[in-house]
Amino acid sequence: MIINVNEHHISTGTKNHCYKCPIALAIRDMMENDEFVECGKSFIFIDKVHYDLLKEVSDFIRNFDREVPKEELIKPFSFELDYEYGIK
């Protein structure tokens, strides 16, 4: 599935919060049901299933959490996640 992290996810995301970061918000927006989504610096859990993150996603999370100026590195982007169950 393609995950699209948009400006809304970035502006409403919470730094250093594994359930409310822009990546978790973007994934949750794609879900049909209210699946549990938790993001770490290098992984995602969706309903207790572990997925490793691509380097570009890990870099985004690190930059977002470090408060790098948005205009420099925090921009909307898309990435592929190997997950198909419960997609809208």
C-alpha atoms as a PDB file:
ATOM      1  CA  MET A   1       0.000   0.000   0.000  1.00  0.00           C
ATOM      2  CA  ILE A   2       1.183   3.523  -0.727  1.00  0.00           C
ATOM      3  CA  ILE A   3       1.229   5.809   2.316  1.00  0.00           C
ATOM      4  CA  ASN A   4       0.906   9.524   1.549  1.00  0.00           C
ATOM      5  CA  VAL A   5       2.186  11.783   4.319  1.00  0.00           C
ATOM      6  CA  ASN A   6       0.670  15.177   3.580  1.00  0.00           C
ATOM      7  CA  GLU A   7       0.913  18.674   5.041  1.00  0.00           C
ATOM      8  CA  HIS A   8      -2.082  18.017   7.327  1.00  0.00           C
ATOM      9  CA  HIS A   9      -0.317  15.002   8.896  1.00  0.00           C
ATOM     10  CA  ILE A  10       2.840  17.072   9.362  1.00  0.00           C
ATOM     11  CA  SER A  11       1.082  20.103  10.879  1.00  0.00           C
ATOM     12  CA  THR A  12      -1.090  18.037  13.255  1.00  0.00           C
ATOM     13  CA  GLY A  13       1.534  15.407  14.110  1.00  0.00           C
ATOM     14  CA  THR A  14       3.133  15.354  17.540  1.00  0.00           C
ATOM     15  CA  LYS A  15       6.911  15.191  17.933  1.00  0.00           C
ATOM     16  CA  ASN A  16       8.316  12.209  19.850  1.00  0.00           C
ATOM     17  CA  HIS A  17       4.896  10.554  20.037  1.00  0.00           C
ATOM     18  CA  CYS A  18       4.712   7.051  18.575  1.00  0.00           C
ATOM     19  CA  TYR A  19       0.912   7.127  18.079  1.00  0.00           C
ATOM     20  CA  LYS A  20       0.493  10.706  16.839  1.00  0.00           C
ATOM     21  CA  CYS A  21       3.487  11.275  14.571  1.00  0.00           C
ATOM     22  CA  PRO A  22       2.765  12.189  10.919  1.00  0.00           C
ATOM     23  CA  ILE A  23       3.594   8.647   9.763  1.00  0.00           C
ATOM     24  CA  ALA A  24       1.124   7.045  12.201  1.00  0.00           C
ATOM     25  CA  LEU A  25      -1.551   9.592  11.255  1.00  0.00           C
ATOM     26  CA  ALA A  26      -1.045   8.931   7.532  1.00  0.00           C
ATOM     27  CA  ILE A  27      -1.239   5.161   8.007  1.00  0.00           C
ATOM     28  CA  ARG A  28      -4.341   5.444  10.172  1.00  0.00           C
ATOM     29  CA  ASP A  29      -6.007   7.573   7.455  1.00  0.00           C
ATOM     30  CA  MET A  30      -5.580   4.638   5.061  1.00  0.00           C
ATOM     31  CA  MET A  31      -7.159   2.082   7.398  1.00  0.00           C
ATOM     32  CA  GLU A  32     -10.716   0.866   7.089  1.00  0.00           C
ATOM     33  CA  ASN A  33     -10.974   0.046  10.782  1.00  0.00           C
ATOM     34  CA  ASP A  34      -9.350   1.649  13.800  1.00  0.00           C
ATOM     35  CA  GLU A  35      -6.171  -0.446  13.742  1.00  0.00           C
ATOM     36  CA  PHE A  36      -3.505   0.141  16.363  1.00  0.00           C
ATOM     37  CA  VAL A  37      -0.556   1.976  14.773  1.00  0.00           C
ATOM     38  CA  GLU A  38       2.712   2.711  16.571  1.00  0.00           C
ATOM     39  CA  CYS A  39       5.860   4.155  14.981  1.00  0.00           C
ATOM     40  CA  GLY A  40       9.402   3.959  16.222  1.00  0.00           C
ATOM     41  CA  LYS A  41      12.514   5.382  14.607  1.00  0.00           C
ATOM     42  CA  SER A  42      13.030   2.284  12.445  1.00  0.00           C
ATOM     43  CA  PHE A  43       9.795   0.280  12.663  1.00  0.00           C
ATOM     44  CA  ILE A  44       6.014   0.407  12.574  1.00  0.00           C
ATOM     45  CA  PHE A  45       3.616  -1.833  14.474  1.00  0.00           C
ATOM     46  CA  ILE A  46       0.159  -2.256  12.975  1.00  0.00           C
ATOM     47  CA  ASP A  47      -2.038  -4.409  15.182  1.00  0.00           C
ATOM     48  CA  LYS A  48       1.087  -5.916  16.791  1.00  0.00           C
ATOM     49  CA  VAL A  49       2.688  -6.861  13.447  1.00  0.00           C
ATOM     50  CA  HIS A  50       6.215  -5.454  13.031  1.00  0.00           C
ATOM     51  CA  TYR A  51       7.272  -3.702   9.794  1.00  0.00           C
ATOM     52  CA  ASP A  52      10.767  -2.336   9.214  1.00  0.00           C
ATOM     53  CA  LEU A  53      10.868   1.201   7.839  1.00  0.00           C
ATOM     54  CA  LEU A  54      12.697   2.372   4.761  1.00  0.00           C
ATOM     55  CA  LYS A  55      15.623   4.706   5.428  1.00  0.00           C
ATOM     56  CA  GLU A  56      13.731   7.704   3.980  1.00  0.00           C
ATOM     57  CA  VAL A  57      10.881   7.154   6.469  1.00  0.00           C
ATOM     58  CA  SER A  58      13.270   6.736   9.405  1.00  0.00           C
ATOM     59  CA  ASP A  59      15.092   9.905   8.340  1.00  0.00           C
ATOM     60  CA  PHE A  60      11.778  11.797   8.168  1.00  0.00           C
ATOM     61  CA  ILE A  61      10.856  10.692  11.715  1.00  0.00           C
ATOM     62  CA  ARG A  62      14.267  11.637  13.105  1.00  0.00           C
ATOM     63  CA  ASN A  63      14.163  15.060  11.439  1.00  0.00           C
ATOM     64  CA  PHE A  64      10.570  15.686  12.555  1.00  0.00           C
ATOM     65  CA  ASP A  65      11.399  14.745  16.156  1.00  0.00           C
ATOM     66  CA  ARG A  66      14.547  16.908  16.166  1.00  0.00           C
ATOM     67  CA  GLU A  67      12.561  19.938  15.044  1.00  0.00           C
ATOM     68  CA  VAL A  68      14.551  20.473  11.879  1.00  0.00           C
ATOM     69  CA  PRO A  69      12.981  23.504  10.147  1.00  0.00           C
ATOM     70  CA  LYS A  70      10.066  22.238   8.053  1.00  0.00           C
ATOM     71  CA  GLU A  71      11.068  24.138   4.949  1.00  0.00           C
ATOM     72  CA  GLU A  72      14.424  22.300   4.971  1.00  0.00           C
ATOM     73  CA  LEU A  73      13.599  18.618   5.463  1.00  0.00           C
ATOM     74  CA  ILE A  74      10.032  18.114   6.647  1.00  0.00           C
ATOM     75  CA  LYS A  75       7.974  17.900   3.460  1.00  0.00           C
ATOM     76  CA  PRO A  76       5.066  15.741   2.299  1.00  0.00           C
ATOM     77  CA  PHE A  77       6.130  12.456   0.716  1.00  0.00           C
ATOM     78  CA  SER A  78       4.907   8.946  -0.091  1.00  0.00           C
ATOM     79  CA  PHE A  79       6.302   5.505   0.660  1.00  0.00           C
ATOM     80  CA  GLU A  80       5.395   1.872   0.121  1.00  0.00           C
ATOM     81  CA  LEU A  81       4.331  -0.303   3.053  1.00  0.00           C
ATOM     82  CA  ASP A  82       3.781  -4.034   2.583  1.00  0.00           C
ATOM     83  CA  TYR A  83       0.356  -4.102   4.260  1.00  0.00           C
ATOM     84  CA  GLU A  84      -2.983  -4.858   2.614  1.00  0.00           C
ATOM     85  CA  TYR A  85      -5.474  -5.832   5.335  1.00  0.00           C
ATOM     86  CA  GLY A  86      -8.181  -3.340   6.193  1.00  0.00           C
ATOM     87  CA  ILE A  87      -7.355  -0.653   3.613  1.00  0.00           C
ATOM     88  CA  LYS A  88     -10.031   1.903   2.722  1.00  0.00           C
END
